[in-house]
C-alpha atoms as a PDB file:
ATOM      1  CA  MET A   1      -1.228 -16.022  -0.707  1.00  0.00           C
ATOM      2  CA  ILE A   2      -4.412 -14.000  -1.201  1.00  0.00           C
ATOM      3  CA  GLY A   3      -3.907 -12.278   2.136  1.00  0.00           C
ATOM      4  CA  GLU A   4      -1.222 -10.060   0.663  1.00  0.00           C
ATOM      5  CA  HIS A   5      -3.660  -8.968  -2.069  1.00  0.00           C
ATOM      6  CA  PHE A   6      -6.732  -8.171   0.084  1.00  0.00           C
ATOM      7  CA  HIS A   7      -6.016  -4.436   0.051  1.00  0.00           C
ATOM      8  CA  ARG A   8      -5.715  -4.384  -3.755  1.00  0.00           C
ATOM      9  CA  LEU A   9      -8.973  -6.288  -4.181  1.00  0.00           C
ATOM     10  CA  SER A  10     -11.115  -4.138  -1.877  1.00  0.00           C
ATOM     11  CA  LEU A  11     -12.861  -7.164  -0.370  1.00  0.00           C
ATOM     12  CA  ASP A  12     -15.293  -6.652   2.488  1.00  0.00           C
ATOM     13  CA  SER A  13     -14.801  -8.450   5.790  1.00  0.00           C
ATOM     14  CA  LYS A  14     -17.412 -11.136   5.041  1.00  0.00           C
ATOM     15  CA  THR A  15     -15.671 -12.020   1.783  1.00  0.00           C
ATOM     16  CA  LYS A  16     -12.232 -12.014   3.422  1.00  0.00           C
ATOM     17  CA  GLU A  17     -13.552 -14.358   6.118  1.00  0.00           C
ATOM     18  CA  HIS A  18     -14.901 -16.699   3.423  1.00  0.00           C
ATOM     19  CA  PHE A  19     -11.496 -16.942   1.745  1.00  0.00           C
ATOM     20  CA  ILE A  20      -9.603 -17.297   5.017  1.00  0.00           C
ATOM     21  CA  ARG A  21     -11.946 -20.051   6.219  1.00  0.00           C
ATOM     22  CA  GLU A  22     -11.767 -21.960   2.935  1.00  0.00           C
ATOM     23  CA  LEU A  23      -8.001 -21.605   2.554  1.00  0.00           C
ATOM     24  CA  ASP A  24      -7.389 -22.657   6.161  1.00  0.00           C
ATOM     25  CA  ARG A  25      -9.199 -25.968   5.669  1.00  0.00           C
ATOM     26  CA  GLY A  26      -5.974 -27.686   4.972  1.00  0.00           C
ATOM     27  CA  GLY A  27      -2.636 -27.862   3.305  1.00  0.00           C
ATOM     28  CA  ASP A  28      -1.669 -26.854  -0.148  1.00  0.00           C
ATOM     29  CA  ILE A  29      -4.424 -26.307  -2.653  1.00  0.00           C
ATOM     30  CA  THR A  30      -4.317 -26.645  -6.402  1.00  0.00           C
ATOM     31  CA  GLY A  31      -5.217 -23.921  -8.853  1.00  0.00           C
ATOM     32  CA  LYS A  32      -8.487 -25.711  -9.575  1.00  0.00           C
ATOM     33  CA  GLU A  33      -9.334 -25.870  -5.873  1.00  0.00           C
ATOM     34  CA  PHE A  34      -8.614 -22.161  -5.519  1.00  0.00           C
ATOM     35  CA  ASN A  35     -10.801 -21.390  -8.530  1.00  0.00           C
ATOM     36  CA  ASP A  36     -13.557 -23.481  -6.934  1.00  0.00           C
ATOM     37  CA  ILE A  37     -13.297 -21.339  -3.782  1.00  0.00           C
ATOM     38  CA  VAL A  38     -13.548 -18.161  -5.878  1.00  0.00           C
ATOM     39  CA  ASN A  39     -16.502 -19.578  -7.825  1.00  0.00           C
ATOM     40  CA  ASP A  40     -18.203 -20.523  -4.553  1.00  0.00           C
ATOM     41  CA  ALA A  41     -17.804 -16.942  -3.293  1.00  0.00           C
ATOM     42  CA  HIS A  42     -19.362 -15.714  -6.534  1.00  0.00           C
ATOM     43  CA  GLU A  43     -22.266 -18.168  -6.316  1.00  0.00           C
ATOM     44  CA  LYS A  44     -22.906 -17.061  -2.714  1.00  0.00           C
ATOM     45  CA  GLY A  45     -23.096 -13.451  -3.885  1.00  0.00           C
ATOM     46  CA  LEU A  46     -19.970 -12.377  -2.009  1.00  0.00           C
ATOM     47  CA  ILE A  47     -18.272 -11.135  -5.186  1.00  0.00           C
ATOM     48  CA  ASN A  48     -19.414 -10.336  -8.706  1.00  0.00           C
ATOM     49  CA  SER A  49     -18.057 -12.073 -11.792  1.00  0.00           C
ATOM     50  CA  GLN A  50     -15.602  -9.264 -12.561  1.00  0.00           C
ATOM     51  CA  LYS A  51     -14.126  -9.445  -9.058  1.00  0.00           C
ATOM     52  CA  ALA A  52     -13.919 -13.247  -9.336  1.00  0.00           C
ATOM     53  CA  GLU A  53     -11.898 -12.997 -12.540  1.00  0.00           C
ATOM     54  CA  LYS A  54      -9.678 -10.296 -11.040  1.00  0.00           C
ATOM     55  CA  ILE A  55      -8.939 -12.505  -8.018  1.00  0.00           C
ATOM     56  CA  LYS A  56      -8.088 -15.451 -10.267  1.00  0.00           C
ATOM     57  CA  ASP A  57      -5.790 -13.258 -12.385  1.00  0.00           C
ATOM     58  CA  ILE A  58      -3.958 -11.772  -9.395  1.00  0.00           C
ATOM     59  CA  VAL A  59      -3.367 -15.078  -7.644  1.00  0.00           C
ATOM     60  CA  LYS A  60      -2.237 -17.065 -10.717  1.00  0.00           C
END
């Protein structure tokens, strides 16, 4: 899902690893769960709020 958009988002390797790790935790995830993962990355300082919104918009 997000893997195909990494190049468009210009995410660094630490941020990519965060998403891969969280998304690999299991099965299908809901939109809310995905948004929680994005929000967690923002809270951890991996992405700024603009990047968080861009990720959410791209993956909708």
